[in-house]
Amino acid sequence: MPVTTIDYTTAAGASTTTNIDAGTYSVKQMAQGFHLPEYDYLEFSPAAAPATGDQTITYKTGGSGGITVATLTLTYSSGDLVSVAKA
């Protein structure tokens, strides 16, 4: 089964790398390792994942017009998720 490597920064500020098995994951499953602050709204741009390129998931508190608390950038290549970065 293919594996995707994800580089991220922990809540304590340390950089780390983890591997995940290829497959389908919910937004909640993807976010668990990123220690996201409380949020009540998600915004996807673009709405559907591209075959190649980036998709951004913006986490907000206070609804669609609220404050952005975190952003995940998902990068795809030939339809495969190749990296996830938190900002």
PDB file of N, CA and C in Angstrom:
ATOM      1  N   MET A   1       0.846  -1.172   0.000  1.00  0.00           N
ATOM      2  CA  MET A   1       0.000   0.000   0.000  1.00  0.00           C
ATOM      3  C   MET A   1       0.897   1.242   0.000  1.00  0.00           C
ATOM      4  N   PRO A   2       0.633   2.237  -0.842  1.00  0.00           N
ATOM      5  CA  PRO A   2       1.443   3.452  -0.884  1.00  0.00           C
ATOM      6  C   PRO A   2       1.375   4.214   0.442  1.00  0.00           C
ATOM      7  N   VAL A   3       2.443   4.929   0.743  1.00  0.00           N
ATOM      8  CA  VAL A   3       2.530   5.708   1.970  1.00  0.00           C
ATOM      9  C   VAL A   3       2.828   7.149   1.601  1.00  0.00           C
ATOM     10  N   THR A   4       2.211   8.095   2.333  1.00  0.00           N
ATOM     11  CA  THR A   4       2.462   9.510   2.142  1.00  0.00           C
ATOM     12  C   THR A   4       3.220  10.021   3.358  1.00  0.00           C
ATOM     13  N   THR A   5       4.259  10.804   3.140  1.00  0.00           N
ATOM     14  CA  THR A   5       5.017  11.410   4.231  1.00  0.00           C
ATOM     15  C   THR A   5       4.483  12.812   4.474  1.00  0.00           C
ATOM     16  N   ILE A   6       4.235  13.135   5.746  1.00  0.00           N
ATOM     17  CA  ILE A   6       3.721  14.451   6.117  1.00  0.00           C
ATOM     18  C   ILE A   6       4.707  15.102   7.071  1.00  0.00           C
ATOM     19  N   ASP A   7       5.154  16.297   6.742  1.00  0.00           N
ATOM     20  CA  ASP A   7       6.003  17.089   7.624  1.00  0.00           C
ATOM     21  C   ASP A   7       5.120  18.117   8.316  1.00  0.00           C
ATOM     22  N   TYR A   8       5.267  18.263   9.639  1.00  0.00           N
ATOM     23  CA  TYR A   8       4.465  19.241  10.360  1.00  0.00           C
ATOM     24  C   TYR A   8       5.178  19.689  11.615  1.00  0.00           C
ATOM     25  N   THR A   9       4.645  20.737  12.229  1.00  0.00           N
ATOM     26  CA  THR A   9       5.187  21.263  13.471  1.00  0.00           C
ATOM     27  C   THR A   9       4.229  20.914  14.597  1.00  0.00           C
ATOM     28  N   THR A  10       4.753  20.369  15.685  1.00  0.00           N
ATOM     29  CA  THR A  10       3.921  19.981  16.818  1.00  0.00           C
ATOM     30  C   THR A  10       3.458  21.221  17.574  1.00  0.00           C
ATOM     31  N   ALA A  11       2.534  21.028  18.515  1.00  0.00           N
ATOM     32  CA  ALA A  11       2.037  22.130  19.333  1.00  0.00           C
ATOM     33  C   ALA A  11       3.166  22.786  20.126  1.00  0.00           C
ATOM     34  N   ALA A  12       4.196  22.014  20.448  1.00  0.00           N
ATOM     35  CA  ALA A  12       5.348  22.545  21.187  1.00  0.00           C
ATOM     36  C   ALA A  12       6.344  23.262  20.280  1.00  0.00           C
ATOM     37  N   GLY A  13       6.099  23.259  18.979  1.00  0.00           N
ATOM     38  CA  GLY A  13       6.961  23.967  18.036  1.00  0.00           C
ATOM     39  C   GLY A  13       8.055  23.126  17.412  1.00  0.00           C
ATOM     40  N   ALA A  14       8.063  21.825  17.671  1.00  0.00           N
ATOM     41  CA  ALA A  14       9.089  20.948  17.094  1.00  0.00           C
ATOM     42  C   ALA A  14       8.661  20.467  15.709  1.00  0.00           C
ATOM     43  N   SER A  15       9.596  20.440  14.776  1.00  0.00           N
ATOM     44  CA  SER A  15       9.314  19.907  13.446  1.00  0.00           C
ATOM     45  C   SER A  15       9.402  18.394  13.501  1.00  0.00           C
ATOM     46  N   THR A  16       8.502  17.726  12.823  1.00  0.00           N
ATOM     47  CA  THR A  16       8.505  16.265  12.820  1.00  0.00           C
ATOM     48  C   THR A  16       7.962  15.758  11.496  1.00  0.00           C
ATOM     49  N   THR A  17       8.160  14.491  11.243  1.00  0.00           N
ATOM     50  CA  THR A  17       7.674  13.840  10.026  1.00  0.00           C
ATOM     51  C   THR A  17       6.944  12.568  10.421  1.00  0.00           C
ATOM     52  N   THR A  18       5.860  12.273   9.739  1.00  0.00           N
ATOM     53  CA  THR A  18       5.143  11.020   9.967  1.00  0.00           C
ATOM     54  C   THR A  18       4.726  10.441   8.626  1.00  0.00           C
ATOM     55  N   ASN A  19       4.486   9.173   8.582  1.00  0.00           N
ATOM     56  CA  ASN A  19       4.004   8.503   7.373  1.00  0.00           C
ATOM     57  C   ASN A  19       2.581   8.023   7.601  1.00  0.00           C
ATOM     58  N   ILE A  20       1.734   8.162   6.589  1.00  0.00           N
ATOM     59  CA  ILE A  20       0.374   7.634   6.672  1.00  0.00           C
ATOM     60  C   ILE A  20       0.139   6.730   5.471  1.00  0.00           C
ATOM     61  N   ASP A  21      -0.686   5.714   5.663  1.00  0.00           N
ATOM     62  CA  ASP A  21      -1.058   4.846   4.556  1.00  0.00           C
ATOM     63  C   ASP A  21      -1.952   5.611   3.605  1.00  0.00           C
ATOM     64  N   ALA A  22      -1.829   5.327   2.327  1.00  0.00           N
ATOM     65  CA  ALA A  22      -2.703   5.945   1.335  1.00  0.00           C
ATOM     66  C   ALA A  22      -4.126   5.497   1.609  1.00  0.00           C
ATOM     67  N   GLY A  23      -5.075   6.335   1.299  1.00  0.00           N
ATOM     68  CA  GLY A  23      -6.470   5.989   1.498  1.00  0.00           C
ATOM     69  C   GLY A  23      -7.304   7.237   1.661  1.00  0.00           C
ATOM     70  N   THR A  24      -8.521   7.044   2.126  1.00  0.00           N
ATOM     71  CA  THR A  24      -9.444   8.146   2.317  1.00  0.00           C
ATOM     72  C   THR A  24      -9.547   8.437   3.805  1.00  0.00           C
ATOM     73  N   TYR A  25      -9.367   9.695   4.167  1.00  0.00           N
ATOM     74  CA  TYR A  25      -9.423  10.127   5.555  1.00  0.00           C
ATOM     75  C   TYR A  25     -10.395  11.292   5.681  1.00  0.00           C
ATOM     76  N   SER A  26     -11.105  11.351   6.800  1.00  0.00           N
ATOM     77  CA  SER A  26     -11.996  12.481   7.037  1.00  0.00           C
ATOM     78  C   SER A  26     -11.159  13.688   7.441  1.00  0.00           C
ATOM     79  N   VAL A  27     -11.764  14.876   7.362  1.00  0.00           N
ATOM     80  CA  VAL A  27     -11.069  16.094   7.778  1.00  0.00           C
ATOM     81  C   VAL A  27     -10.686  15.974   9.248  1.00  0.00           C
ATOM     82  N   LYS A  28     -11.551  15.387  10.067  1.00  0.00           N
ATOM     83  CA  LYS A  28     -11.262  15.227  11.489  1.00  0.00           C
ATOM     84  C   LYS A  28     -10.046  14.322  11.685  1.00  0.00           C
ATOM     85  N   GLN A  29      -9.973  13.222  10.953  1.00  0.00           N
ATOM     86  CA  GLN A  29      -8.821  12.331  11.067  1.00  0.00           C
ATOM     87  C   GLN A  29      -7.538  13.036  10.651  1.00  0.00           C
ATOM     88  N   MET A  30      -7.594  13.816   9.584  1.00  0.00           N
ATOM     89  CA  MET A  30      -6.396  14.502   9.097  1.00  0.00           C
ATOM     90  C   MET A  30      -5.920  15.545  10.093  1.00  0.00           C
ATOM     91  N   ALA A  31      -6.858  16.191  10.773  1.00  0.00           N
ATOM     92  CA  ALA A  31      -6.514  17.292  11.666  1.00  0.00           C
ATOM     93  C   ALA A  31      -6.011  16.836  13.029  1.00  0.00           C
ATOM     94  N   GLN A  32      -6.274  15.606  13.426  1.00  0.00           N
ATOM     95  CA  GLN A  32      -5.938  15.153  14.769  1.00  0.00           C
ATOM     96  C   GLN A  32      -4.462  15.327  15.110  1.00  0.00           C
ATOM     97  N   GLY A  33      -3.572  15.042  14.216  1.00  0.00           N
ATOM     98  CA  GLY A  33      -2.143  15.158  14.498  1.00  0.00           C
ATOM     99  C   GLY A  33      -1.604  16.572  14.422  1.00  0.00           C
ATOM    100  N   PHE A  34      -2.437  17.518  14.039  1.00  0.00           N
ATOM    101  CA  PHE A  34      -1.982  18.890  13.866  1.00  0.00           C
ATOM    102  C   PHE A  34      -2.320  19.807  15.034  1.00  0.00           C
ATOM    103  N   HIS A  35      -2.982  19.297  16.063  1.00  0.00           N
ATOM    104  CA  HIS A  35      -3.306  20.070  17.264  1.00  0.00           C
ATOM    105  C   HIS A  35      -3.956  21.407  16.907  1.00  0.00           C
ATOM    106  N   LEU A  36      -5.090  21.356  16.234  1.00  0.00           N
ATOM    107  CA  LEU A  36      -5.779  22.570  15.812  1.00  0.00           C
ATOM    108  C   LEU A  36      -6.562  23.175  16.976  1.00  0.00           C
ATOM    109  N   PRO A  37      -6.603  24.509  17.039  1.00  0.00           N
ATOM    110  CA  PRO A  37      -7.438  25.165  18.051  1.00  0.00           C
ATOM    111  C   PRO A  37      -8.916  24.881  17.771  1.00  0.00           C
ATOM    112  N   GLU A  38      -9.772  25.225  18.700  1.00  0.00           N
ATOM    113  CA  GLU A  38     -11.200  25.039  18.506  1.00  0.00           C
ATOM    114  C   GLU A  38     -11.664  25.795  17.260  1.00  0.00           C
ATOM    115  N   TYR A  39     -12.571  25.183  16.498  1.00  0.00           N
ATOM    116  CA  TYR A  39     -13.101  25.820  15.293  1.00  0.00           C
ATOM    117  C   TYR A  39     -14.554  25.390  15.119  1.00  0.00           C
ATOM    118  N   ASP A  40     -15.309  26.199  14.354  1.00  0.00           N
ATOM    119  CA  ASP A  40     -16.712  25.857  14.100  1.00  0.00           C
ATOM    120  C   ASP A  40     -17.079  25.987  12.623  1.00  0.00           C
ATOM    121  N   TYR A  41     -16.075  26.235  11.787  1.00  0.00           N
ATOM    122  CA  TYR A  41     -16.342  26.411  10.354  1.00  0.00           C
ATOM    123  C   TYR A  41     -15.119  25.975   9.556  1.00  0.00           C
ATOM    124  N   LEU A  42     -15.362  25.272   8.447  1.00  0.00           N
ATOM    125  CA  LEU A  42     -14.296  24.860   7.525  1.00  0.00           C
ATOM    126  C   LEU A  42     -14.577  25.441   6.153  1.00  0.00           C
ATOM    127  N   GLU A  43     -13.534  25.903   5.487  1.00  0.00           N
ATOM    128  CA  GLU A  43     -13.652  26.441   4.129  1.00  0.00           C
ATOM    129  C   GLU A  43     -12.636  25.722   3.246  1.00  0.00           C
ATOM    130  N   PHE A  44     -13.092  25.147   2.136  1.00  0.00           N
ATOM    131  CA  PHE A  44     -12.225  24.432   1.201  1.00  0.00           C
ATOM    132  C   PHE A  44     -12.036  25.267  -0.056  1.00  0.00           C
ATOM    133  N   SER A  45     -10.796  25.404  -0.505  1.00  0.00           N
ATOM    134  CA  SER A  45     -10.523  26.150  -1.727  1.00  0.00           C
ATOM    135  C   SER A  45      -9.401  25.463  -2.505  1.00  0.00           C
ATOM    136  N   PRO A  46      -9.703  24.952  -3.699  1.00  0.00           N
ATOM    137  CA  PRO A  46     -11.018  24.834  -4.327  1.00  0.00           C
ATOM    138  C   PRO A  46     -11.878  23.801  -3.587  1.00  0.00           C
ATOM    139  N   ALA A  47     -13.172  23.781  -3.897  1.00  0.00           N
ATOM    140  CA  ALA A  47     -14.110  22.899  -3.203  1.00  0.00           C
ATOM    141  C   ALA A  47     -13.770  21.421  -3.391  1.00  0.00           C
ATOM    142  N   ALA A  48     -13.299  21.048  -4.560  1.00  0.00           N
ATOM    143  CA  ALA A  48     -12.900  19.659  -4.841  1.00  0.00           C
ATOM    144  C   ALA A  48     -11.382  19.596  -4.972  1.00  0.00           C
ATOM    145  N   ALA A  49     -10.814  18.511  -4.500  1.00  0.00           N
ATOM    146  CA  ALA A  49      -9.363  18.348  -4.574  1.00  0.00           C
ATOM    147  C   ALA A  49      -8.912  18.299  -6.033  1.00  0.00           C
ATOM    148  N   PRO A  50      -7.852  19.034  -6.371  1.00  0.00           N
ATOM    149  CA  PRO A  50      -7.346  19.012  -7.745  1.00  0.00           C
ATOM    150  C   PRO A  50      -6.538  17.745  -8.016  1.00  0.00           C
ATOM    151  N   ALA A  51      -6.413  17.363  -9.262  1.00  0.00           N
ATOM    152  CA  ALA A  51      -5.563  16.225  -9.622  1.00  0.00           C
ATOM    153  C   ALA A  51      -4.102  16.558  -9.326  1.00  0.00           C
ATOM    154  N   THR A  52      -3.715  17.789  -9.637  1.00  0.00           N
ATOM    155  CA  THR A  52      -2.363  18.271  -9.359  1.00  0.00           C
ATOM    156  C   THR A  52      -2.471  19.707  -8.879  1.00  0.00           C
ATOM    157  N   GLY A  53      -1.772  20.014  -7.801  1.00  0.00           N
ATOM    158  CA  GLY A  53      -1.808  21.369  -7.244  1.00  0.00           C
ATOM    159  C   GLY A  53      -2.229  21.354  -5.793  1.00  0.00           C
ATOM    160  N   ASP A  54      -2.584  22.530  -5.274  1.00  0.00           N
ATOM    161  CA  ASP A  54      -2.909  22.693  -3.866  1.00  0.00           C
ATOM    162  C   ASP A  54      -4.399  22.854  -3.613  1.00  0.00           C
ATOM    163  N   GLN A  55      -4.828  22.380  -2.452  1.00  0.00           N
ATOM    164  CA  GLN A  55      -6.154  22.636  -1.917  1.00  0.00           C
ATOM    165  C   GLN A  55      -5.940  23.147  -0.496  1.00  0.00           C
ATOM    166  N   THR A  56      -6.614  24.223  -0.142  1.00  0.00           N
ATOM    167  CA  THR A  56      -6.464  24.809   1.179  1.00  0.00           C
ATOM    168  C   THR A  56      -7.726  24.560   1.998  1.00  0.00           C
ATOM    169  N   ILE A  57      -7.525  24.114   3.241  1.00  0.00           N
ATOM    170  CA  ILE A  57      -8.621  23.979   4.195  1.00  0.00           C
ATOM    171  C   ILE A  57      -8.387  25.025   5.264  1.00  0.00           C
ATOM    172  N   THR A  58      -9.317  25.973   5.398  1.00  0.00           N
ATOM    173  CA  THR A  58      -9.199  27.048   6.375  1.00  0.00           C
ATOM    174  C   THR A  58     -10.135  26.745   7.531  1.00  0.00           C
ATOM    175  N   TYR A  59      -9.597  26.733   8.747  1.00  0.00           N
ATOM    176  CA  TYR A  59     -10.358  26.479   9.967  1.00  0.00           C
ATOM    177  C   TYR A  59     -10.649  27.827  10.619  1.00  0.00           C
ATOM    178  N   LYS A  60     -11.936  28.072  10.939  1.00  0.00           N
ATOM    179  CA  LYS A  60     -12.320  29.360  11.510  1.00  0.00           C
ATOM    180  C   LYS A  60     -13.177  29.178  12.756  1.00  0.00           C
ATOM    181  N   THR A  61     -13.164  30.185  13.582  1.00  0.00           N
ATOM    182  CA  THR A  61     -14.083  30.262  14.707  1.00  0.00           C
ATOM    183  C   THR A  61     -14.928  31.514  14.507  1.00  0.00           C
ATOM    184  N   GLY A  62     -16.233  31.391  14.743  1.00  0.00           N
ATOM    185  CA  GLY A  62     -17.132  32.523  14.517  1.00  0.00           C
ATOM    186  C   GLY A  62     -17.824  32.466  13.167  1.00  0.00           C
ATOM    187  N   GLY A  63     -17.867  31.282  12.555  1.00  0.00           N
ATOM    188  CA  GLY A  63     -18.565  31.110  11.283  1.00  0.00           C
ATOM    189  C   GLY A  63     -17.732  31.535  10.090  1.00  0.00           C
ATOM    190  N   SER A  64     -18.405  31.655   8.950  1.00  0.00           N
ATOM    191  CA  SER A  64     -17.697  31.924   7.689  1.00  0.00           C
ATOM    192  C   SER A  64     -16.954  33.256   7.686  1.00  0.00           C
ATOM    193  N   GLY A  65     -17.444  34.231   8.423  1.00  0.00           N
ATOM    194  CA  GLY A  65     -16.787  35.536   8.473  1.00  0.00           C
ATOM    195  C   GLY A  65     -15.901  35.704   9.692  1.00  0.00           C
ATOM    196  N   GLY A  66     -15.683  34.602  10.408  1.00  0.00           N
ATOM    197  CA  GLY A  66     -14.932  34.654  11.660  1.00  0.00           C
ATOM    198  C   GLY A  66     -13.435  34.714  11.486  1.00  0.00           C
ATOM    199  N   ILE A  67     -12.749  34.402  12.561  1.00  0.00           N
ATOM    200  CA  ILE A  67     -11.294  34.477  12.625  1.00  0.00           C
ATOM    201  C   ILE A  67     -10.682  33.148  12.191  1.00  0.00           C
ATOM    202  N   THR A  68      -9.700  33.207  11.308  1.00  0.00           N
ATOM    203  CA  THR A  68      -8.981  32.007  10.890  1.00  0.00           C
ATOM    204  C   THR A  68      -8.060  31.575  12.024  1.00  0.00           C
ATOM    205  N   VAL A  69      -8.200  30.304  12.446  1.00  0.00           N
ATOM    206  CA  VAL A  69      -7.369  29.785  13.537  1.00  0.00           C
ATOM    207  C   VAL A  69      -6.281  28.843  13.031  1.00  0.00           C
ATOM    208  N   ALA A  70      -6.450  28.311  11.823  1.00  0.00           N
ATOM    209  CA  ALA A  70      -5.434  27.428  11.239  1.00  0.00           C
ATOM    210  C   ALA A  70      -5.741  27.221   9.766  1.00  0.00           C
ATOM    211  N   THR A  71      -4.725  26.860   9.025  1.00  0.00           N
ATOM    212  CA  THR A  71      -4.869  26.549   7.602  1.00  0.00           C
ATOM    213  C   THR A  71      -4.039  25.312   7.295  1.00  0.00           C
ATOM    214  N   LEU A  72      -4.650  24.370   6.572  1.00  0.00           N
ATOM    215  CA  LEU A  72      -3.918  23.216   6.056  1.00  0.00           C
ATOM    216  C   LEU A  72      -3.824  23.362   4.548  1.00  0.00           C
ATOM    217  N   THR A  73      -2.659  23.172   3.997  1.00  0.00           N
ATOM    218  CA  THR A  73      -2.482  23.166   2.544  1.00  0.00           C
ATOM    219  C   THR A  73      -2.166  21.743   2.137  1.00  0.00           C
ATOM    220  N   LEU A  74      -3.051  21.164   1.335  1.00  0.00           N
ATOM    221  CA  LEU A  74      -2.885  19.802   0.834  1.00  0.00           C
ATOM    222  C   LEU A  74      -2.354  19.899  -0.589  1.00  0.00           C
ATOM    223  N   THR A  75      -1.272  19.200  -0.881  1.00  0.00           N
ATOM    224  CA  THR A  75      -0.672  19.227  -2.210  1.00  0.00           C
ATOM    225  C   THR A  75      -0.860  17.871  -2.873  1.00  0.00           C
ATOM    226  N   TYR A  76      -1.356  17.907  -4.108  1.00  0.00           N
ATOM    227  CA  TYR A  76      -1.646  16.692  -4.878  1.00  0.00           C
ATOM    228  C   TYR A  76      -0.764  16.636  -6.112  1.00  0.00           C
ATOM    229  N   SER A  77      -0.429  15.406  -6.503  1.00  0.00           N
ATOM    230  CA  SER A  77       0.307  15.169  -7.745  1.00  0.00           C
ATOM    231  C   SER A  77      -0.296  13.939  -8.406  1.00  0.00           C
ATOM    232  N   SER A  78      -0.781  14.110  -9.613  1.00  0.00           N
ATOM    233  CA  SER A  78      -1.409  13.013 -10.369  1.00  0.00           C
ATOM    234  C   SER A  78      -2.510  12.325  -9.568  1.00  0.00           C
ATOM    235  N   GLY A  79      -3.275  13.111  -8.820  1.00  0.00           N
ATOM    236  CA  GLY A  79      -4.399  12.575  -8.059  1.00  0.00           C
ATOM    237  C   GLY A  79      -4.043  12.021  -6.694  1.00  0.00           C
ATOM    238  N   ASP A  80      -2.757  12.010  -6.336  1.00  0.00           N
ATOM    239  CA  ASP A  80      -2.311  11.494  -5.040  1.00  0.00           C
ATOM    240  C   ASP A  80      -1.972  12.641  -4.104  1.00  0.00           C
ATOM    241  N   LEU A  81      -2.363  12.502  -2.838  1.00  0.00           N
ATOM    242  CA  LEU A  81      -1.966  13.464  -1.821  1.00  0.00           C
ATOM    243  C   LEU A  81      -0.492  13.234  -1.508  1.00  0.00           C
ATOM    244  N   VAL A  82       0.333  14.279  -1.695  1.00  0.00           N
ATOM    245  CA  VAL A  82       1.762  14.112  -1.498  1.00  0.00           C
ATOM    246  C   VAL A  82       2.293  14.857  -0.277  1.00  0.00           C
ATOM    247  N   SER A  83       1.582  15.892   0.192  1.00  0.00           N
ATOM    248  CA  SER A  83       2.032  16.574   1.397  1.00  0.00           C
ATOM    249  C   SER A  83       0.887  17.360   2.016  1.00  0.00           C
ATOM    250  N   VAL A  84       1.034  17.608   3.326  1.00  0.00           N
ATOM    251  CA  VAL A  84       0.096  18.435   4.081  1.00  0.00           C
ATOM    252  C   VAL A  84       0.927  19.361   4.942  1.00  0.00           C
ATOM    253  N   ALA A  85       0.637  20.661   4.859  1.00  0.00           N
ATOM    254  CA  ALA A  85       1.359  21.641   5.662  1.00  0.00           C
ATOM    255  C   ALA A  85       0.366  22.477   6.462  1.00  0.00           C
ATOM    256  N   LYS A  86       0.686  22.723   7.725  1.00  0.00           N
ATOM    257  CA  LYS A  86      -0.162  23.542   8.599  1.00  0.00           C
ATOM    258  C   LYS A  86       0.440  24.925   8.737  1.00  0.00           C
ATOM    259  N   ALA A  87      -0.428  25.947   8.669  1.00  0.00           N
ATOM    260  CA  ALA A  87       0.012  27.311   8.916  1.00  0.00           C
ATOM    261  C   ALA A  87      -0.912  27.938   9.943  1.00  0.00           C
TER     262      ALA A  87
END
